[in-house]
């Protein structure tokens, strides 16, 4: 299983890094309570892994794109408690109950197929310790930029599947996303056997509709 076609993210890794420097406030709020050995699934350029490392004993980042891992490694220079791994969210290369807390931010929605997305959530549950907590986020299908595509046409694939091109720096690289509704997000989390502490939506670019859904979950 693969999160994505890795070449997509290898191709845009440097451009992505140039535009994704700031950590999300929702992540910073969660990171403020993190301790011990922690994990960032789909860590990208390490923008959330860096503040994790400053709070925690060990911060592990995993991403399916080797080029993104290279970028992340450059960005964490000087932080000696960071471990970076190129790997698959659906088959995490870690033992059971290793992590005290985890982030899974804006990456679950890049996995093709509901079965694989639920498997990734099952893997998150497996590697969390008995009272471990995680923050998960996905993009909403109802945000201003995309909702009409799902309202006006009957889907020929899973409802929410879409290709979103990366067009910065003269590129045109299609990236797979499965955009979520809140009910579907809740169902996938529960199907994986995780317990939901809080579930909420945010509006960052849209004026009325949700742009992102967040959940704090426990094992």
Protein backbone atom coordinates (compact mmCIF):
# COMPACT_ATOMS: atom_id res chain seq x y z
CA UNK A 1 0.00 0.00 0.00
CA UNK A 2 1.16 3.55 -0.68
CA UNK A 3 -0.09 6.86 0.64
CA UNK A 4 0.25 8.38 -2.82
CA UNK A 5 2.20 8.10 -6.01
CA UNK A 6 5.42 9.17 -4.38
CA UNK A 7 6.80 10.87 -7.49
CA UNK A 8 4.12 13.55 -7.14
CA UNK A 9 5.50 14.66 -3.80
CA UNK A 10 9.12 14.09 -4.75
CA UNK A 11 8.57 16.48 -7.66
CA UNK A 12 7.13 19.30 -5.54
CA UNK A 13 9.11 18.82 -2.31
CA UNK A 14 11.32 21.90 -2.67
CA UNK A 15 8.48 24.12 -3.83
CA UNK A 16 6.26 22.79 -1.02
CA UNK A 17 8.94 23.55 1.55
CA UNK A 18 9.24 27.15 0.36
CA UNK A 19 5.53 27.77 1.02
CA UNK A 20 4.93 25.68 4.15
CA UNK A 21 7.06 27.11 6.95
CA UNK A 22 4.55 27.98 9.68
CA UNK A 23 3.01 25.40 11.99
CA UNK A 24 -0.78 25.38 12.34
CA UNK A 25 -2.05 26.77 15.62
CA UNK A 26 -4.19 23.67 16.21
CA UNK A 27 -1.02 21.59 16.04
CA UNK A 28 0.91 23.94 18.32
CA UNK A 29 -1.86 23.72 20.91
CA UNK A 30 -1.68 19.90 20.83
CA UNK A 31 2.12 19.84 20.78
CA UNK A 32 2.21 21.98 23.93
CA UNK A 33 0.98 18.93 25.89
CA UNK A 34 3.18 16.35 24.16
CA UNK A 35 5.88 14.51 26.07
CA UNK A 36 8.07 11.44 25.68
CA UNK A 37 8.44 9.63 22.34
CA UNK A 38 6.25 11.14 19.62
CA UNK A 39 5.40 10.55 15.96
CA UNK A 40 4.47 12.75 13.00
CA UNK A 41 2.86 10.69 10.20
CA UNK A 42 3.19 12.40 6.83
CA UNK A 43 5.69 14.82 8.32
CA UNK A 44 6.43 16.59 5.03
CA UNK A 45 9.10 19.25 5.44
CA UNK A 46 9.07 18.90 9.28
CA UNK A 47 7.23 22.14 10.02
CA UNK A 48 5.37 20.42 12.89
CA UNK A 49 8.15 17.97 13.74
CA UNK A 50 10.48 20.83 14.70
CA UNK A 51 8.28 22.20 17.54
CA UNK A 52 7.59 18.60 18.59
CA UNK A 53 11.31 17.98 18.96
CA UNK A 54 11.66 21.05 21.16
CA UNK A 55 9.01 19.69 23.55
CA UNK A 56 9.61 15.95 23.52
CA UNK A 57 12.36 13.49 24.34
CA UNK A 58 12.29 11.94 20.85
CA UNK A 59 10.38 13.12 17.76
CA UNK A 60 10.00 10.66 14.88
CA UNK A 61 8.82 11.77 11.45
CA UNK A 62 7.73 9.47 8.63
CA UNK A 63 6.85 10.39 5.05
CA UNK A 64 6.37 8.36 1.88
CA UNK A 65 8.37 10.82 -0.26
CA UNK A 66 12.12 10.34 -0.11
CA UNK A 67 12.72 13.85 -1.40
CA UNK A 68 10.43 15.28 1.29
CA UNK A 69 12.41 13.35 3.91
CA UNK A 70 15.61 14.89 2.52
CA UNK A 71 14.09 18.36 2.84
CA UNK A 72 12.94 17.57 6.38
CA UNK A 73 16.42 16.36 7.30
CA UNK A 74 17.88 19.68 6.17
CA UNK A 75 15.27 21.58 8.16
CA UNK A 76 15.93 19.74 11.44
CA UNK A 77 19.69 20.34 11.37
CA UNK A 78 20.86 20.91 14.93
CA UNK A 79 18.01 18.97 16.55
CA UNK A 80 19.60 15.76 17.78
CA UNK A 81 16.44 14.06 19.09
CA UNK A 82 14.76 13.78 15.65
CA UNK A 83 14.51 10.52 13.71
CA UNK A 84 13.34 10.63 10.07
CA UNK A 85 12.05 7.61 8.15
CA UNK A 86 10.81 7.15 4.58
CA UNK A 87 7.88 4.75 4.84
CA UNK A 88 4.20 4.00 4.43
CA UNK A 89 1.45 5.11 6.81
CA UNK A 90 -0.44 1.88 6.07
CA UNK A 91 2.44 -0.29 7.30
CA UNK A 92 4.28 1.76 9.90
CA UNK A 93 7.76 0.29 10.54
CA UNK A 94 7.50 0.64 14.33
CA UNK A 95 6.73 -1.77 17.17
CA UNK A 96 3.42 -1.79 19.01
CA UNK A 97 2.75 0.88 21.65
CA UNK A 98 5.99 2.80 21.02
CA UNK A 99 4.62 6.35 20.97
CA UNK A 100 3.14 8.55 23.68
CA UNK A 101 1.48 10.91 21.18
CA UNK A 102 1.23 11.50 17.45
CA UNK A 103 0.25 13.91 14.71
CA UNK A 104 -1.41 12.82 11.44
CA UNK A 105 -1.91 16.20 9.79
CA UNK A 106 -3.19 16.74 6.24
CA UNK A 107 -1.93 13.33 5.10
CA UNK A 108 -4.71 10.78 5.68
CA UNK A 109 -6.64 12.36 2.80
CA UNK A 110 -3.78 11.54 0.38
CA UNK A 111 -4.33 7.79 0.77
CA UNK A 112 -6.26 6.12 -2.05
CA UNK A 113 -9.20 3.92 -1.03
CA UNK A 114 -11.21 3.86 2.18
CA UNK A 115 -9.82 0.44 3.15
CA UNK A 116 -6.30 1.85 3.07
CA UNK A 117 -7.25 5.02 4.96
CA UNK A 118 -8.82 2.95 7.73
CA UNK A 119 -5.74 0.71 7.73
CA UNK A 120 -3.55 3.77 8.28
CA UNK A 121 -5.72 4.75 11.25
CA UNK A 122 -5.44 1.19 12.58
CA UNK A 123 -1.67 1.51 12.32
CA UNK A 124 -1.82 4.77 14.27
CA UNK A 125 -3.76 2.98 16.99
CA UNK A 126 -1.30 0.08 17.02
CA UNK A 127 1.78 2.24 17.60
CA UNK A 128 0.24 4.46 20.30
CA UNK A 129 0.78 3.34 23.87
CA UNK A 130 -2.14 2.40 26.12
CA UNK A 131 -3.08 6.01 26.93
CA UNK A 132 -1.59 7.63 23.83
CA UNK A 133 -3.34 10.50 22.06
CA UNK A 134 -3.17 11.81 18.51
CA UNK A 135 -4.31 14.82 16.52
CA UNK A 136 -5.62 14.04 13.02
CA UNK A 137 -6.70 16.48 10.32
CA UNK A 138 -8.19 16.16 6.83
CA UNK A 139 -9.44 18.57 4.18
CA UNK A 140 -13.18 19.09 3.83
CA UNK A 141 -14.98 18.37 0.56
CA UNK A 142 -17.34 21.29 1.27
CA UNK A 143 -14.73 24.06 1.23
CA UNK A 144 -15.36 26.87 -1.23
CA UNK A 145 -12.75 25.73 -3.75
CA UNK A 146 -14.16 22.24 -4.29
CA UNK A 147 -17.70 21.69 -3.02
CA UNK A 148 -19.46 22.35 -6.35
CA UNK A 149 -17.53 19.51 -7.95
CA UNK A 150 -19.19 17.10 -5.53
CA UNK A 151 -22.64 18.70 -5.62
CA UNK A 152 -23.05 18.95 -9.40
CA UNK A 153 -21.67 15.65 -10.67
CA UNK A 154 -22.32 12.04 -9.73
CA UNK A 155 -19.02 10.48 -8.72
CA UNK A 156 -17.48 7.74 -10.83
CA UNK A 157 -15.15 6.85 -7.94
CA UNK A 158 -15.29 7.26 -4.16
CA UNK A 159 -17.19 10.44 -3.34
CA UNK A 160 -14.53 12.94 -2.31
CA UNK A 161 -11.76 11.68 -4.61
CA UNK A 162 -10.17 14.50 -6.56
CA UNK A 163 -6.89 15.48 -8.23
CA UNK A 164 -5.63 18.88 -7.10
CA UNK A 165 -2.74 20.29 -9.14
CA UNK A 166 0.32 21.93 -7.59
CA UNK A 167 0.86 24.99 -9.76
CA UNK A 168 3.55 26.95 -7.96
CA UNK A 169 6.96 27.61 -9.53
CA UNK A 170 5.67 26.88 -13.03
CA UNK A 171 4.70 23.29 -12.19
CA UNK A 172 1.44 21.47 -12.88
CA UNK A 173 1.62 18.31 -10.77
CA UNK A 174 -1.69 16.54 -9.97
CA UNK A 175 -1.96 15.29 -6.39
CA UNK A 176 -4.55 12.77 -5.19
CA UNK A 177 -6.87 13.80 -2.36
CA UNK A 178 -9.88 12.17 -0.77
CA UNK A 179 -11.79 15.12 0.66
CA UNK A 180 -13.93 14.29 3.68
CA UNK A 181 -17.29 15.10 5.17
CA UNK A 182 -17.35 15.25 8.96
CA UNK A 183 -19.56 12.17 9.31
CA UNK A 184 -17.25 10.10 7.11
CA UNK A 185 -14.22 11.30 9.07
CA UNK A 186 -15.88 10.22 12.31
CA UNK A 187 -16.85 6.82 10.89
CA UNK A 188 -13.35 6.04 9.64
CA UNK A 189 -11.80 6.92 13.00
CA UNK A 190 -14.28 4.75 14.89
CA UNK A 191 -13.92 1.87 12.42
CA UNK A 192 -10.21 1.80 13.24
CA UNK A 193 -11.06 1.35 16.92
CA UNK A 194 -9.89 4.77 18.07
CA UNK A 195 -11.87 6.81 20.59
CA UNK A 196 -12.73 10.41 19.74
CA UNK A 197 -12.14 13.00 22.46
CA UNK A 198 -13.03 16.03 20.34
CA UNK A 199 -14.02 16.56 16.70
CA UNK A 200 -14.34 19.98 15.11
CA UNK A 201 -14.15 21.95 11.89
CA UNK A 202 -12.18 25.06 10.98
CA UNK A 203 -12.59 27.70 8.31
CA UNK A 204 -9.27 29.08 7.10
CA UNK A 205 -10.00 30.21 3.53
CA UNK A 206 -13.73 29.55 3.20
CA UNK A 207 -16.08 32.13 4.64
CA UNK A 208 -18.94 29.77 5.51
CA UNK A 209 -18.06 26.12 4.95
CA UNK A 210 -15.45 23.95 6.67
CA UNK A 211 -11.97 23.87 5.17
CA UNK A 212 -10.55 21.26 7.57
CA UNK A 213 -11.75 18.72 10.10
CA UNK A 214 -9.70 17.94 13.21
CA UNK A 215 -10.00 15.15 15.75
CA UNK A 216 -8.17 14.42 18.97
CA UNK A 217 -8.28 10.66 19.45
CA UNK A 218 -7.20 8.15 22.08
CA UNK A 219 -6.30 4.50 21.84
